[in-house]
Amino acid sequence: MKTRWNYKIEIVRPPVFARAKTKADFIATILNEHGQQGWELVNAPTTPVATELHLYFKRPS
């Protein structure tokens, strides 16, 4: 039987004036929270809006 998936897209806006390490910590926290809920990051493409990060997740249904 094929695996069925749930998908989730989250648009993240890290603090604009924060240092790079602070932004990385902010994003890592979001990724870790989703991972604890069983979500797997599938893609995080670059976007035309530099202040946004689009995160694409999936997990088995």
PDB file of N, CA and C in Angstrom:
ATOM      1  N   MET A   1       0.839  -1.183   0.000  1.00  0.00           N
ATOM      2  CA  MET A   1       0.000   0.000   0.000  1.00  0.00           C
ATOM      3  C   MET A   1       0.885   1.248   0.000  1.00  0.00           C
ATOM      4  N   LYS A   2       0.492   2.214  -0.775  1.00  0.00           N
ATOM      5  CA  LYS A   2       1.265   3.452  -0.862  1.00  0.00           C
ATOM      6  C   LYS A   2       1.072   4.305   0.389  1.00  0.00           C
ATOM      7  N   THR A   3       2.111   5.033   0.739  1.00  0.00           N
ATOM      8  CA  THR A   3       2.019   5.960   1.865  1.00  0.00           C
ATOM      9  C   THR A   3       1.225   7.184   1.442  1.00  0.00           C
ATOM     10  N   ARG A   4       0.307   7.580   2.286  1.00  0.00           N
ATOM     11  CA  ARG A   4      -0.438   8.820   2.049  1.00  0.00           C
ATOM     12  C   ARG A   4       0.204   9.921   2.889  1.00  0.00           C
ATOM     13  N   TRP A   5       0.215  11.119   2.324  1.00  0.00           N
ATOM     14  CA  TRP A   5       0.925  12.222   2.963  1.00  0.00           C
ATOM     15  C   TRP A   5      -0.006  13.387   3.264  1.00  0.00           C
ATOM     16  N   ASN A   6       0.293  14.082   4.341  1.00  0.00           N
ATOM     17  CA  ASN A   6      -0.275  15.403   4.625  1.00  0.00           C
ATOM     18  C   ASN A   6       0.812  16.405   4.288  1.00  0.00           C
ATOM     19  N   TYR A   7       0.406  17.536   3.770  1.00  0.00           N
ATOM     20  CA  TYR A   7       1.362  18.582   3.402  1.00  0.00           C
ATOM     21  C   TYR A   7       1.038  19.870   4.136  1.00  0.00           C
ATOM     22  N   LYS A   8       2.059  20.651   4.382  1.00  0.00           N
ATOM     23  CA  LYS A   8       1.893  21.918   5.100  1.00  0.00           C
ATOM     24  C   LYS A   8       2.889  22.918   4.527  1.00  0.00           C
ATOM     25  N   ILE A   9       2.428  24.128   4.313  1.00  0.00           N
ATOM     26  CA  ILE A   9       3.301  25.216   3.867  1.00  0.00           C
ATOM     27  C   ILE A   9       3.268  26.285   4.938  1.00  0.00           C
ATOM     28  N   GLU A  10       4.427  26.715   5.363  1.00  0.00           N
ATOM     29  CA  GLU A  10       4.500  27.785   6.359  1.00  0.00           C
ATOM     30  C   GLU A  10       5.369  28.909   5.813  1.00  0.00           C
ATOM     31  N   ILE A  11       4.865  30.114   5.924  1.00  0.00           N
ATOM     32  CA  ILE A  11       5.628  31.299   5.526  1.00  0.00           C
ATOM     33  C   ILE A  11       6.189  31.914   6.801  1.00  0.00           C
ATOM     34  N   VAL A  12       7.506  31.992   6.863  1.00  0.00           N
ATOM     35  CA  VAL A  12       8.209  32.470   8.052  1.00  0.00           C
ATOM     36  C   VAL A  12       8.817  33.829   7.752  1.00  0.00           C
ATOM     37  N   ARG A  13       8.688  34.729   8.684  1.00  0.00           N
ATOM     38  CA  ARG A  13       9.294  36.066   8.560  1.00  0.00           C
ATOM     39  C   ARG A  13      10.245  36.281   9.739  1.00  0.00           C
ATOM     40  N   PRO A  14      11.513  35.924   9.548  1.00  0.00           N
ATOM     41  CA  PRO A  14      12.486  36.122  10.632  1.00  0.00           C
ATOM     42  C   PRO A  14      12.618  37.608  10.961  1.00  0.00           C
ATOM     43  N   PRO A  15      13.082  37.907  12.170  1.00  0.00           N
ATOM     44  CA  PRO A  15      13.292  39.309  12.544  1.00  0.00           C
ATOM     45  C   PRO A  15      14.185  40.012  11.520  1.00  0.00           C
ATOM     46  N   VAL A  16      13.727  41.120  10.997  1.00  0.00           N
ATOM     47  CA  VAL A  16      14.416  41.814   9.903  1.00  0.00           C
ATOM     48  C   VAL A  16      15.767  42.372  10.326  1.00  0.00           C
ATOM     49  N   PHE A  17      15.840  42.953  11.489  1.00  0.00           N
ATOM     50  CA  PHE A  17      17.073  43.634  11.893  1.00  0.00           C
ATOM     51  C   PHE A  17      17.954  42.776  12.796  1.00  0.00           C
ATOM     52  N   ALA A  18      17.640  41.505  12.886  1.00  0.00           N
ATOM     53  CA  ALA A  18      18.428  40.624  13.750  1.00  0.00           C
ATOM     54  C   ALA A  18      19.728  40.212  13.057  1.00  0.00           C
ATOM     55  N   ARG A  19      20.685  39.822  13.858  1.00  0.00           N
ATOM     56  CA  ARG A  19      21.946  39.302  13.317  1.00  0.00           C
ATOM     57  C   ARG A  19      21.691  37.951  12.650  1.00  0.00           C
ATOM     58  N   ALA A  20      22.588  37.529  11.802  1.00  0.00           N
ATOM     59  CA  ALA A  20      22.431  36.277  11.056  1.00  0.00           C
ATOM     60  C   ALA A  20      22.247  35.082  11.999  1.00  0.00           C
ATOM     61  N   LYS A  21      23.022  35.026  13.094  1.00  0.00           N
ATOM     62  CA  LYS A  21      22.904  33.915  14.035  1.00  0.00           C
ATOM     63  C   LYS A  21      21.528  33.912  14.681  1.00  0.00           C
ATOM     64  N   THR A  22      20.999  35.078  15.007  1.00  0.00           N
ATOM     65  CA  THR A  22      19.670  35.166  15.606  1.00  0.00           C
ATOM     66  C   THR A  22      18.613  34.666  14.623  1.00  0.00           C
ATOM     67  N   LYS A  23      18.742  35.025  13.358  1.00  0.00           N
ATOM     68  CA  LYS A  23      17.803  34.548  12.333  1.00  0.00           C
ATOM     69  C   LYS A  23      17.894  33.034  12.197  1.00  0.00           C
ATOM     70  N   ALA A  24      19.118  32.512  12.187  1.00  0.00           N
ATOM     71  CA  ALA A  24      19.307  31.068  12.064  1.00  0.00           C
ATOM     72  C   ALA A  24      18.689  30.340  13.257  1.00  0.00           C
ATOM     73  N   ASP A  25      18.866  30.871  14.454  1.00  0.00           N
ATOM     74  CA  ASP A  25      18.274  30.275  15.655  1.00  0.00           C
ATOM     75  C   ASP A  25      16.749  30.317  15.587  1.00  0.00           C
ATOM     76  N   PHE A  26      16.204  31.421  15.095  1.00  0.00           N
ATOM     77  CA  PHE A  26      14.752  31.582  14.940  1.00  0.00           C
ATOM     78  C   PHE A  26      14.203  30.505  14.009  1.00  0.00           C
ATOM     79  N   ILE A  27      14.871  30.316  12.861  1.00  0.00           N
ATOM     80  CA  ILE A  27      14.423  29.329  11.883  1.00  0.00           C
ATOM     81  C   ILE A  27      14.610  27.913  12.424  1.00  0.00           C
ATOM     82  N   ALA A  28      15.719  27.656  13.092  1.00  0.00           N
ATOM     83  CA  ALA A  28      15.974  26.328  13.663  1.00  0.00           C
ATOM     84  C   ALA A  28      14.907  25.961  14.686  1.00  0.00           C
ATOM     85  N   THR A  29      14.475  26.921  15.466  1.00  0.00           N
ATOM     86  CA  THR A  29      13.417  26.676  16.452  1.00  0.00           C
ATOM     87  C   THR A  29      12.131  26.243  15.757  1.00  0.00           C
ATOM     88  N   ILE A  30      11.773  26.920  14.691  1.00  0.00           N
ATOM     89  CA  ILE A  30      10.564  26.570  13.935  1.00  0.00           C
ATOM     90  C   ILE A  30      10.703  25.172  13.342  1.00  0.00           C
ATOM     91  N   LEU A  31      11.847  24.881  12.749  1.00  0.00           N
ATOM     92  CA  LEU A  31      12.068  23.561  12.155  1.00  0.00           C
ATOM     93  C   LEU A  31      12.013  22.462  13.218  1.00  0.00           C
ATOM     94  N   ASN A  32      12.615  22.695  14.370  1.00  0.00           N
ATOM     95  CA  ASN A  32      12.598  21.705  15.450  1.00  0.00           C
ATOM     96  C   ASN A  32      11.184  21.467  15.971  1.00  0.00           C
ATOM     97  N   GLU A  33      10.390  22.531  16.091  1.00  0.00           N
ATOM     98  CA  GLU A  33       9.005  22.384  16.554  1.00  0.00           C
ATOM     99  C   GLU A  33       8.200  21.528  15.583  1.00  0.00           C
ATOM    100  N   HIS A  34       8.376  21.780  14.297  1.00  0.00           N
ATOM    101  CA  HIS A  34       7.656  20.984  13.299  1.00  0.00           C
ATOM    102  C   HIS A  34       8.145  19.527  13.301  1.00  0.00           C
ATOM    103  N   GLY A  35       9.448  19.345  13.451  1.00  0.00           N
ATOM    104  CA  GLY A  35      10.003  17.998  13.510  1.00  0.00           C
ATOM    105  C   GLY A  35       9.453  17.198  14.673  1.00  0.00           C
ATOM    106  N   GLN A  36       9.279  17.832  15.816  1.00  0.00           N
ATOM    107  CA  GLN A  36       8.718  17.150  16.981  1.00  0.00           C
ATOM    108  C   GLN A  36       7.270  16.730  16.747  1.00  0.00           C
ATOM    109  N   GLN A  37       6.586  17.415  15.839  1.00  0.00           N
ATOM    110  CA  GLN A  37       5.202  17.080  15.507  1.00  0.00           C
ATOM    111  C   GLN A  37       5.126  16.074  14.355  1.00  0.00           C
ATOM    112  N   GLY A  38       6.288  15.606  13.886  1.00  0.00           N
ATOM    113  CA  GLY A  38       6.328  14.596  12.844  1.00  0.00           C
ATOM    114  C   GLY A  38       6.437  15.137  11.427  1.00  0.00           C
ATOM    115  N   TRP A  39       6.595  16.454  11.276  1.00  0.00           N
ATOM    116  CA  TRP A  39       6.713  17.047   9.944  1.00  0.00           C
ATOM    117  C   TRP A  39       8.149  16.944   9.459  1.00  0.00           C
ATOM    118  N   GLU A  40       8.318  16.645   8.184  1.00  0.00           N
ATOM    119  CA  GLU A  40       9.630  16.583   7.547  1.00  0.00           C
ATOM    120  C   GLU A  40       9.734  17.722   6.540  1.00  0.00           C
ATOM    121  N   LEU A  41      10.803  18.504   6.624  1.00  0.00           N
ATOM    122  CA  LEU A  41      11.021  19.589   5.670  1.00  0.00           C
ATOM    123  C   LEU A  41      11.337  18.986   4.308  1.00  0.00           C
ATOM    124  N   VAL A  42      10.580  19.394   3.295  1.00  0.00           N
ATOM    125  CA  VAL A  42      10.756  18.883   1.950  1.00  0.00           C
ATOM    126  C   VAL A  42      11.502  19.892   1.081  1.00  0.00           C
ATOM    127  N   ASN A  43      11.203  21.179   1.274  1.00  0.00           N
ATOM    128  CA  ASN A  43      11.804  22.205   0.429  1.00  0.00           C
ATOM    129  C   ASN A  43      11.723  23.551   1.135  1.00  0.00           C
ATOM    130  N   ALA A  44      12.676  24.412   0.837  1.00  0.00           N
ATOM    131  CA  ALA A  44      12.685  25.789   1.335  1.00  0.00           C
ATOM    132  C   ALA A  44      13.292  26.664   0.236  1.00  0.00           C
ATOM    133  N   PRO A  45      12.541  26.846  -0.867  1.00  0.00           N
ATOM    134  CA  PRO A  45      13.088  27.582  -2.004  1.00  0.00           C
ATOM    135  C   PRO A  45      13.280  29.060  -1.696  1.00  0.00           C
ATOM    136  N   THR A  46      14.137  29.689  -2.460  1.00  0.00           N
ATOM    137  CA  THR A  46      14.290  31.132  -2.321  1.00  0.00           C
ATOM    138  C   THR A  46      13.024  31.812  -2.858  1.00  0.00           C
ATOM    139  N   THR A  47      12.729  32.961  -2.314  1.00  0.00           N
ATOM    140  CA  THR A  47      11.528  33.692  -2.714  1.00  0.00           C
ATOM    141  C   THR A  47      11.921  35.091  -3.171  1.00  0.00           C
ATOM    142  N   PRO A  48      11.058  35.728  -3.962  1.00  0.00           N
ATOM    143  CA  PRO A  48      11.361  37.089  -4.404  1.00  0.00           C
ATOM    144  C   PRO A  48      11.345  38.093  -3.255  1.00  0.00           C
ATOM    145  N   VAL A  49      10.659  37.752  -2.180  1.00  0.00           N
ATOM    146  CA  VAL A  49      10.590  38.642  -1.010  1.00  0.00           C
ATOM    147  C   VAL A  49      11.658  38.184  -0.019  1.00  0.00           C
ATOM    148  N   ALA A  50      12.706  38.959   0.122  1.00  0.00           N
ATOM    149  CA  ALA A  50      13.861  38.552   0.938  1.00  0.00           C
ATOM    150  C   ALA A  50      13.543  38.404   2.417  1.00  0.00           C
ATOM    151  N   THR A  51      12.445  38.987   2.871  1.00  0.00           N
ATOM    152  CA  THR A  51      12.108  38.916   4.294  1.00  0.00           C
ATOM    153  C   THR A  51      11.244  37.707   4.622  1.00  0.00           C
ATOM    154  N   GLU A  52      10.916  36.875   3.617  1.00  0.00           N
ATOM    155  CA  GLU A  52      10.083  35.699   3.838  1.00  0.00           C
ATOM    156  C   GLU A  52      10.831  34.428   3.468  1.00  0.00           C
ATOM    157  N   LEU A  53      10.506  33.376   4.185  1.00  0.00           N
ATOM    158  CA  LEU A  53      11.033  32.058   3.881  1.00  0.00           C
ATOM    159  C   LEU A  53       9.836  31.116   3.809  1.00  0.00           C
ATOM    160  N   HIS A  54       9.682  30.430   2.682  1.00  0.00           N
ATOM    161  CA  HIS A  54       8.573  29.489   2.510  1.00  0.00           C
ATOM    162  C   HIS A  54       9.091  28.086   2.827  1.00  0.00           C
ATOM    163  N   LEU A  55       8.463  27.443   3.799  1.00  0.00           N
ATOM    164  CA  LEU A  55       8.874  26.112   4.223  1.00  0.00           C
ATOM    165  C   LEU A  55       7.791  25.111   3.834  1.00  0.00           C
ATOM    166  N   TYR A  56       8.182  24.055   3.139  1.00  0.00           N
ATOM    167  CA  TYR A  56       7.253  23.029   2.689  1.00  0.00           C
ATOM    168  C   TYR A  56       7.536  21.745   3.477  1.00  0.00           C
ATOM    169  N   PHE A  57       6.514  21.230   4.152  1.00  0.00           N
ATOM    170  CA  PHE A  57       6.640  20.051   4.993  1.00  0.00           C
ATOM    171  C   PHE A  57       5.705  18.946   4.524  1.00  0.00           C
ATOM    172  N   LYS A  58       6.037  17.709   4.906  1.00  0.00           N
ATOM    173  CA  LYS A  58       5.128  16.590   4.699  1.00  0.00           C
ATOM    174  C   LYS A  58       5.270  15.635   5.886  1.00  0.00           C
ATOM    175  N   ARG A  59       4.215  14.835   6.106  1.00  0.00           N
ATOM    176  CA  ARG A  59       4.255  13.751   7.081  1.00  0.00           C
ATOM    177  C   ARG A  59       3.217  12.711   6.682  1.00  0.00           C
ATOM    178  N   PRO A  60       3.432  11.484   7.080  1.00  0.00           N
ATOM    179  CA  PRO A  60       2.451  10.451   6.742  1.00  0.00           C
ATOM    180  C   PRO A  60       1.081  10.786   7.352  1.00  0.00           C
ATOM    181  N   SER A  61       0.026  10.453   6.614  1.00  0.00           N
ATOM    182  CA  SER A  61      -1.332  10.675   7.121  1.00  0.00           C
ATOM    183  C   SER A  61      -1.628   9.792   8.309  1.00  0.00           C
TER     184      SER A  61
END
